PDB file of all heavy atoms in Angstrom:
ATOM      1  N   LYS A   1       0.824  -1.194   0.000  1.00  0.00           N
ATOM      2  CA  LYS A   1       0.000   0.000   0.000  1.00  0.00           C
ATOM      3  C   LYS A   1       0.866   1.254   0.000  1.00  0.00           C
ATOM      4  O   LYS A   1       2.045   1.222   0.357  1.00  0.00           O
ATOM      5  CB  LYS A   1      -0.926   0.021   1.216  1.00  0.00           C
ATOM      6  CG  LYS A   1      -1.952  -1.098   1.251  1.00  0.00           C
ATOM      7  CD  LYS A   1      -2.879  -0.950   2.441  1.00  0.00           C
ATOM      8  CE  LYS A   1      -3.935  -2.029   2.454  1.00  0.00           C
ATOM      9  NZ  LYS A   1      -4.853  -1.873   3.617  1.00  0.00           N
ATOM     10  N   GLN A   2       0.248   2.369  -0.391  1.00  0.00           N
ATOM     11  CA  GLN A   2       0.925   3.652  -0.340  1.00  0.00           C
ATOM     12  C   GLN A   2       0.930   4.191   1.091  1.00  0.00           C
ATOM     13  O   GLN A   2       0.119   3.789   1.930  1.00  0.00           O
ATOM     14  CB  GLN A   2       0.242   4.654  -1.271  1.00  0.00           C
ATOM     15  CG  GLN A   2       0.360   4.320  -2.753  1.00  0.00           C
ATOM     16  CD  GLN A   2      -0.254   5.388  -3.629  1.00  0.00           C
ATOM     17  OE1 GLN A   2      -1.275   5.984  -3.284  1.00  0.00           O
ATOM     18  NE2 GLN A   2       0.377   5.644  -4.765  1.00  0.00           N
ATOM     19  N   ARG A   3       1.857   5.093   1.346  1.00  0.00           N
ATOM     20  CA  ARG A   3       1.912   5.724   2.648  1.00  0.00           C
ATOM     21  C   ARG A   3       0.625   6.509   2.892  1.00  0.00           C
ATOM     22  O   ARG A   3       0.177   7.278   2.043  1.00  0.00           O
ATOM     23  CB  ARG A   3       3.130   6.643   2.739  1.00  0.00           C
ATOM     24  CG  ARG A   3       3.372   7.210   4.127  1.00  0.00           C
ATOM     25  CD  ARG A   3       4.651   8.031   4.188  1.00  0.00           C
ATOM     26  NE  ARG A   3       5.836   7.244   3.857  1.00  0.00           N
ATOM     27  CZ  ARG A   3       7.080   7.682   3.991  1.00  0.00           C
ATOM     28  NH1 ARG A   3       7.312   8.894   4.458  1.00  0.00           N
ATOM     29  NH2 ARG A   3       8.089   6.893   3.646  1.00  0.00           N
ATOM     30  N   ALA A   4       0.012   6.291   4.051  1.00  0.00           N
ATOM     31  CA  ALA A   4      -1.273   6.892   4.375  1.00  0.00           C
ATOM     32  C   ALA A   4      -1.190   7.686   5.670  1.00  0.00           C
ATOM     33  O   ALA A   4      -0.535   7.265   6.626  1.00  0.00           O
ATOM     34  CB  ALA A   4      -2.350   5.811   4.499  1.00  0.00           C
ATOM     35  N   TRP A   5      -1.887   8.788   5.699  1.00  0.00           N
ATOM     36  CA  TRP A   5      -1.950   9.616   6.888  1.00  0.00           C
ATOM     37  C   TRP A   5      -2.748   8.928   7.993  1.00  0.00           C
ATOM     38  O   TRP A   5      -3.764   8.284   7.734  1.00  0.00           O
ATOM     39  CB  TRP A   5      -2.588  10.963   6.548  1.00  0.00           C
ATOM     40  CG  TRP A   5      -2.896  11.800   7.745  1.00  0.00           C
ATOM     41  CD1 TRP A   5      -2.029  12.514   8.510  1.00  0.00           C
ATOM     42  CD2 TRP A   5      -4.195  11.999   8.315  1.00  0.00           C
ATOM     43  NE1 TRP A   5      -2.693  13.150   9.526  1.00  0.00           N
ATOM     44  CE2 TRP A   5      -4.022  12.852   9.425  1.00  0.00           C
ATOM     45  CE3 TRP A   5      -5.471  11.544   7.986  1.00  0.00           C
ATOM     46  CZ2 TRP A   5      -5.091  13.253  10.217  1.00  0.00           C
ATOM     47  CZ3 TRP A   5      -6.538  11.946   8.765  1.00  0.00           C
ATOM     48  CH2 TRP A   5      -6.339  12.789   9.870  1.00  0.00           C
ATOM     49  N   VAL A   6      -2.298   9.078   9.225  1.00  0.00           N
ATOM     50  CA  VAL A   6      -2.932   8.438  10.369  1.00  0.00           C
ATOM     51  C   VAL A   6      -3.485   9.464  11.357  1.00  0.00           C
ATOM     52  O   VAL A   6      -4.650   9.396  11.743  1.00  0.00           O
ATOM     53  CB  VAL A   6      -1.952   7.503  11.096  1.00  0.00           C
ATOM     54  CG1 VAL A   6      -2.583   6.935  12.366  1.00  0.00           C
ATOM     55  CG2 VAL A   6      -1.513   6.380  10.167  1.00  0.00           C
ATOM     56  N   ALA A   7      -2.645  10.401  11.805  1.00  0.00           N
ATOM     57  CA  ALA A   7      -3.067  11.329  12.850  1.00  0.00           C
ATOM     58  C   ALA A   7      -2.176  12.557  12.861  1.00  0.00           C
ATOM     59  O   ALA A   7      -1.005  12.492  12.473  1.00  0.00           O
ATOM     60  CB  ALA A   7      -3.034  10.655  14.226  1.00  0.00           C
ATOM     61  N   THR A   8      -2.738  13.680  13.336  1.00  0.00           N
ATOM     62  CA  THR A   8      -2.022  14.941  13.419  1.00  0.00           C
ATOM     63  C   THR A   8      -2.447  15.691  14.669  1.00  0.00           C
ATOM     64  O   THR A   8      -3.629  15.654  15.052  1.00  0.00           O
ATOM     65  CB  THR A   8      -2.308  15.828  12.190  1.00  0.00           C
ATOM     66  OG1 THR A   8      -1.865  15.176  11.001  1.00  0.00           O
ATOM     67  CG2 THR A   8      -1.598  17.173  12.304  1.00  0.00           C
ATOM     68  N   LYS A   9      -1.511  16.376  15.286  1.00  0.00           N
ATOM     69  CA  LYS A   9      -1.816  17.267  16.399  1.00  0.00           C
ATOM     70  C   LYS A   9      -0.931  18.495  16.297  1.00  0.00           C
ATOM     71  O   LYS A   9       0.275  18.387  16.113  1.00  0.00           O
ATOM     72  CB  LYS A   9      -1.619  16.573  17.744  1.00  0.00           C
ATOM     73  CG  LYS A   9      -2.267  17.317  18.910  1.00  0.00           C
ATOM     74  CD  LYS A   9      -2.230  16.488  20.180  1.00  0.00           C
ATOM     75  CE  LYS A   9      -2.963  17.184  21.319  1.00  0.00           C
ATOM     76  NZ  LYS A   9      -4.434  17.215  21.077  1.00  0.00           N
ATOM     77  N   THR A  10      -1.544  19.677  16.425  1.00  0.00           N
ATOM     78  CA  THR A  10      -0.818  20.928  16.314  1.00  0.00           C
ATOM     79  C   THR A  10      -0.432  21.464  17.686  1.00  0.00           C
ATOM     80  O   THR A  10      -0.958  21.037  18.719  1.00  0.00           O
ATOM     81  CB  THR A  10      -1.643  21.997  15.585  1.00  0.00           C
ATOM     82  OG1 THR A  10      -2.729  22.420  16.426  1.00  0.00           O
ATOM     83  CG2 THR A  10      -2.201  21.470  14.271  1.00  0.00           C
ATOM     84  N   THR A  11       0.486  22.436  17.687  1.00  0.00           N
ATOM     85  CA  THR A  11       0.858  23.091  18.942  1.00  0.00           C
ATOM     86  C   THR A  11      -0.334  23.803  19.563  1.00  0.00           C
ATOM     87  O   THR A  11      -0.382  23.982  20.781  1.00  0.00           O
ATOM     88  CB  THR A  11       1.988  24.105  18.712  1.00  0.00           C
ATOM     89  OG1 THR A  11       1.690  24.923  17.573  1.00  0.00           O
ATOM     90  CG2 THR A  11       3.314  23.389  18.477  1.00  0.00           C
ATOM     91  N   GLY A  12      -1.291  24.230  18.731  1.00  0.00           N
ATOM     92  CA  GLY A  12      -2.483  24.887  19.226  1.00  0.00           C
ATOM     93  C   GLY A  12      -3.537  23.961  19.775  1.00  0.00           C
ATOM     94  O   GLY A  12      -4.574  24.431  20.269  1.00  0.00           O
ATOM     95  N   GLY A  13      -3.320  22.659  19.679  1.00  0.00           N
ATOM     96  CA  GLY A  13      -4.234  21.696  20.267  1.00  0.00           C
ATOM     97  C   GLY A  13      -5.224  21.057  19.316  1.00  0.00           C
ATOM     98  O   GLY A  13      -6.046  20.236  19.748  1.00  0.00           O
ATOM     99  N   LEU A  14      -5.177  21.402  18.033  1.00  0.00           N
ATOM    100  CA  LEU A  14      -6.068  20.764  17.072  1.00  0.00           C
ATOM    101  C   LEU A  14      -5.633  19.328  16.839  1.00  0.00           C
ATOM    102  O   LEU A  14      -4.450  19.054  16.647  1.00  0.00           O
ATOM    103  CB  LEU A  14      -6.086  21.530  15.753  1.00  0.00           C
ATOM    104  CG  LEU A  14      -6.627  22.960  15.805  1.00  0.00           C
ATOM    105  CD1 LEU A  14      -6.542  23.600  14.428  1.00  0.00           C
ATOM    106  CD2 LEU A  14      -8.059  22.974  16.302  1.00  0.00           C
ATOM    107  N   THR A  15      -6.597  18.426  16.834  1.00  0.00           N
ATOM    108  CA  THR A  15      -6.333  17.002  16.684  1.00  0.00           C
ATOM    109  C   THR A  15      -7.191  16.421  15.576  1.00  0.00           C
ATOM    110  O   THR A  15      -8.390  16.696  15.492  1.00  0.00           O
ATOM    111  CB  THR A  15      -6.624  16.253  17.993  1.00  0.00           C
ATOM    112  OG1 THR A  15      -5.804  16.781  19.041  1.00  0.00           O
ATOM    113  CG2 THR A  15      -6.351  14.767  17.832  1.00  0.00           C
ATOM    114  N   HIS A  16      -6.568  15.611  14.728  1.00  0.00           N
ATOM    115  CA  HIS A  16      -7.286  14.916  13.665  1.00  0.00           C
ATOM    116  C   HIS A  16      -6.794  13.483  13.599  1.00  0.00           C
ATOM    117  O   HIS A  16      -5.594  13.229  13.618  1.00  0.00           O
ATOM    118  CB  HIS A  16      -7.087  15.609  12.312  1.00  0.00           C
ATOM    119  CG  HIS A  16      -7.569  17.021  12.283  1.00  0.00           C
ATOM    120  ND1 HIS A  16      -8.902  17.345  12.121  1.00  0.00           N
ATOM    121  CD2 HIS A  16      -6.904  18.194  12.401  1.00  0.00           C
ATOM    122  CE1 HIS A  16      -9.033  18.658  12.137  1.00  0.00           C
ATOM    123  NE2 HIS A  16      -7.840  19.198  12.306  1.00  0.00           N
ATOM    124  N   ILE A  17      -7.745  12.563  13.515  1.00  0.00           N
ATOM    125  CA  ILE A  17      -7.464  11.139  13.428  1.00  0.00           C
ATOM    126  C   ILE A  17      -8.135  10.592  12.179  1.00  0.00           C
ATOM    127  O   ILE A  17      -9.286  10.924  11.895  1.00  0.00           O
ATOM    128  CB  ILE A  17      -7.977  10.381  14.665  1.00  0.00           C
ATOM    129  CG1 ILE A  17      -7.434  11.002  15.956  1.00  0.00           C
ATOM    130  CG2 ILE A  17      -7.605   8.911  14.584  1.00  0.00           C
ATOM    131  CD1 ILE A  17      -5.959  10.817  16.149  1.00  0.00           C
ATOM    132  N   ALA A  18      -7.445   9.743  11.451  1.00  0.00           N
ATOM    133  CA  ALA A  18      -8.031   9.135  10.266  1.00  0.00           C
ATOM    134  C   ALA A  18      -9.252   8.309  10.640  1.00  0.00           C
ATOM    135  O   ALA A  18      -9.266   7.625  11.675  1.00  0.00           O
ATOM    136  CB  ALA A  18      -7.002   8.267   9.554  1.00  0.00           C
ATOM    137  N   ASP A  19     -10.277   8.367   9.787  1.00  0.00           N
ATOM    138  CA  ASP A  19     -11.510   7.635  10.057  1.00  0.00           C
ATOM    139  C   ASP A  19     -11.259   6.140  10.252  1.00  0.00           C
ATOM    140  O   ASP A  19     -11.943   5.487  11.049  1.00  0.00           O
ATOM    141  CB  ASP A  19     -12.509   7.836   8.918  1.00  0.00           C
ATOM    142  CG  ASP A  19     -13.063   9.240   8.870  1.00  0.00           C
ATOM    143  OD1 ASP A  19     -12.967   9.970   9.877  1.00  0.00           O
ATOM    144  OD2 ASP A  19     -13.613   9.615   7.809  1.00  0.00           O
ATOM    145  N   SER A  20     -10.293   5.614   9.540  1.00  0.00           N
ATOM    146  CA  SER A  20     -10.041   4.183   9.581  1.00  0.00           C
ATOM    147  C   SER A  20      -9.535   3.694  10.931  1.00  0.00           C
ATOM    148  O   SER A  20      -9.627   2.499  11.225  1.00  0.00           O
ATOM    149  CB  SER A  20      -9.043   3.796   8.486  1.00  0.00           C
ATOM    150  OG  SER A  20      -7.810   4.469   8.662  1.00  0.00           O
ATOM    151  N   VAL A  21      -9.000   4.590  11.750  1.00  0.00           N
ATOM    152  CA  VAL A  21      -8.430   4.183  13.035  1.00  0.00           C
ATOM    153  C   VAL A  21      -9.061   4.898  14.218  1.00  0.00           C
ATOM    154  O   VAL A  21      -8.675   4.647  15.369  1.00  0.00           O
ATOM    155  CB  VAL A  21      -6.900   4.384  13.063  1.00  0.00           C
ATOM    156  CG1 VAL A  21      -6.231   3.545  11.984  1.00  0.00           C
ATOM    157  CG2 VAL A  21      -6.538   5.856  12.892  1.00  0.00           C
ATOM    158  N   THR A  22     -10.026   5.765  13.970  1.00  0.00           N
ATOM    159  CA  THR A  22     -10.700   6.472  15.056  1.00  0.00           C
ATOM    160  C   THR A  22     -11.315   5.476  16.034  1.00  0.00           C
ATOM    161  O   THR A  22     -11.956   4.508  15.639  1.00  0.00           O
ATOM    162  CB  THR A  22     -11.792   7.405  14.506  1.00  0.00           C
ATOM    163  OG1 THR A  22     -11.189   8.459  13.756  1.00  0.00           O
ATOM    164  CG2 THR A  22     -12.610   8.011  15.636  1.00  0.00           C
ATOM    165  N   GLY A  23     -11.101   5.731  17.312  1.00  0.00           N
ATOM    166  CA  GLY A  23     -11.600   4.845  18.350  1.00  0.00           C
ATOM    167  C   GLY A  23     -10.548   3.909  18.891  1.00  0.00           C
ATOM    168  O   GLY A  23     -10.686   3.417  20.016  1.00  0.00           O
ATOM    169  N   ARG A  24      -9.516   3.643  18.113  1.00  0.00           N
ATOM    170  CA  ARG A  24      -8.427   2.774  18.556  1.00  0.00           C
ATOM    171  C   ARG A  24      -7.115   3.525  18.731  1.00  0.00           C
ATOM    172  O   ARG A  24      -6.285   3.112  19.533  1.00  0.00           O
ATOM    173  CB  ARG A  24      -8.209   1.621  17.570  1.00  0.00           C
ATOM    174  CG  ARG A  24      -9.396   0.688  17.434  1.00  0.00           C
ATOM    175  CD  ARG A  24      -9.012  -0.584  16.684  1.00  0.00           C
ATOM    176  NE  ARG A  24      -8.537  -0.296  15.330  1.00  0.00           N
ATOM    177  CZ  ARG A  24      -7.301  -0.521  14.891  1.00  0.00           C
ATOM    178  NH1 ARG A  24      -6.392  -1.051  15.708  1.00  0.00           N
ATOM    179  NH2 ARG A  24      -6.969  -0.237  13.642  1.00  0.00           N
ATOM    180  N   PHE A  25      -6.927   4.600  17.981  1.00  0.00           N
ATOM    181  CA  PHE A  25      -5.681   5.363  18.012  1.00  0.00           C
ATOM    182  C   PHE A  25      -5.899   6.684  18.742  1.00  0.00           C
ATOM    183  O   PHE A  25      -6.923   7.351  18.558  1.00  0.00           O
ATOM    184  CB  PHE A  25      -5.190   5.671  16.591  1.00  0.00           C
ATOM    185  CG  PHE A  25      -4.594   4.502  15.854  1.00  0.00           C
ATOM    186  CD1 PHE A  25      -5.035   3.205  16.062  1.00  0.00           C
ATOM    187  CD2 PHE A  25      -3.582   4.721  14.934  1.00  0.00           C
ATOM    188  CE1 PHE A  25      -4.489   2.139  15.369  1.00  0.00           C
ATOM    189  CE2 PHE A  25      -3.025   3.665  14.233  1.00  0.00           C
ATOM    190  CZ  PHE A  25      -3.482   2.372  14.449  1.00  0.00           C
ATOM    191  N   THR A  26      -4.926   7.078  19.540  1.00  0.00           N
ATOM    192  CA  THR A  26      -4.952   8.347  20.241  1.00  0.00           C
ATOM    193  C   THR A  26      -3.616   9.050  20.053  1.00  0.00           C
ATOM    194  O   THR A  26      -2.564   8.432  20.240  1.00  0.00           O
ATOM    195  CB  THR A  26      -5.224   8.160  21.739  1.00  0.00           C
ATOM    196  OG1 THR A  26      -6.466   7.480  21.925  1.00  0.00           O
ATOM    197  CG2 THR A  26      -5.293   9.512  22.442  1.00  0.00           C
ATOM    198  N   ILE A  27      -3.659  10.327  19.697  1.00  0.00           N
ATOM    199  CA  ILE A  27      -2.442  11.105  19.524  1.00  0.00           C
ATOM    200  C   ILE A  27      -2.339  12.137  20.637  1.00  0.00           C
ATOM    201  O   ILE A  27      -3.335  12.734  21.052  1.00  0.00           O
ATOM    202  CB  ILE A  27      -2.387  11.770  18.134  1.00  0.00           C
ATOM    203  CG1 ILE A  27      -1.020  12.414  17.897  1.00  0.00           C
ATOM    204  CG2 ILE A  27      -3.516  12.778  17.951  1.00  0.00           C
ATOM    205  CD1 ILE A  27      -0.805  12.871  16.457  1.00  0.00           C
ATOM    206  N   SER A  28      -1.139  12.337  21.129  1.00  0.00           N
ATOM    207  CA  SER A  28      -0.875  13.341  22.146  1.00  0.00           C
ATOM    208  C   SER A  28       0.491  13.956  21.883  1.00  0.00           C
ATOM    209  O   SER A  28       1.306  13.392  21.143  1.00  0.00           O
ATOM    210  CB  SER A  28      -0.931  12.733  23.552  1.00  0.00           C
ATOM    211  OG  SER A  28       0.061  11.733  23.713  1.00  0.00           O
ATOM    212  N   ARG A  29       0.751  15.109  22.482  1.00  0.00           N
ATOM    213  CA  ARG A  29       2.055  15.728  22.305  1.00  0.00           C
ATOM    214  C   ARG A  29       2.411  16.604  23.493  1.00  0.00           C
ATOM    215  O   ARG A  29       1.539  17.031  24.262  1.00  0.00           O
ATOM    216  CB  ARG A  29       2.116  16.532  21.000  1.00  0.00           C
ATOM    217  CG  ARG A  29       1.194  17.741  20.933  1.00  0.00           C
ATOM    218  CD  ARG A  29       1.403  18.500  19.613  1.00  0.00           C
ATOM    219  NE  ARG A  29       2.711  19.140  19.566  1.00  0.00           N
ATOM    220  CZ  ARG A  29       3.284  19.622  18.465  1.00  0.00           C
ATOM    221  NH1 ARG A  29       2.662  19.523  17.299  1.00  0.00           N
ATOM    222  NH2 ARG A  29       4.480  20.197  18.524  1.00  0.00           N
TER     223      ARG A  29
END
C-alpha cells in the first residue's frame, strides 16, 4: 500500500485522526 496519513496534532491543540483508526488510536504531544 501507499503511505497513508494516520493522525495529526498541532501546537495549538487541534487534533485529527483518520476515520479508519478512530476509536483505537490516540495522539498526544
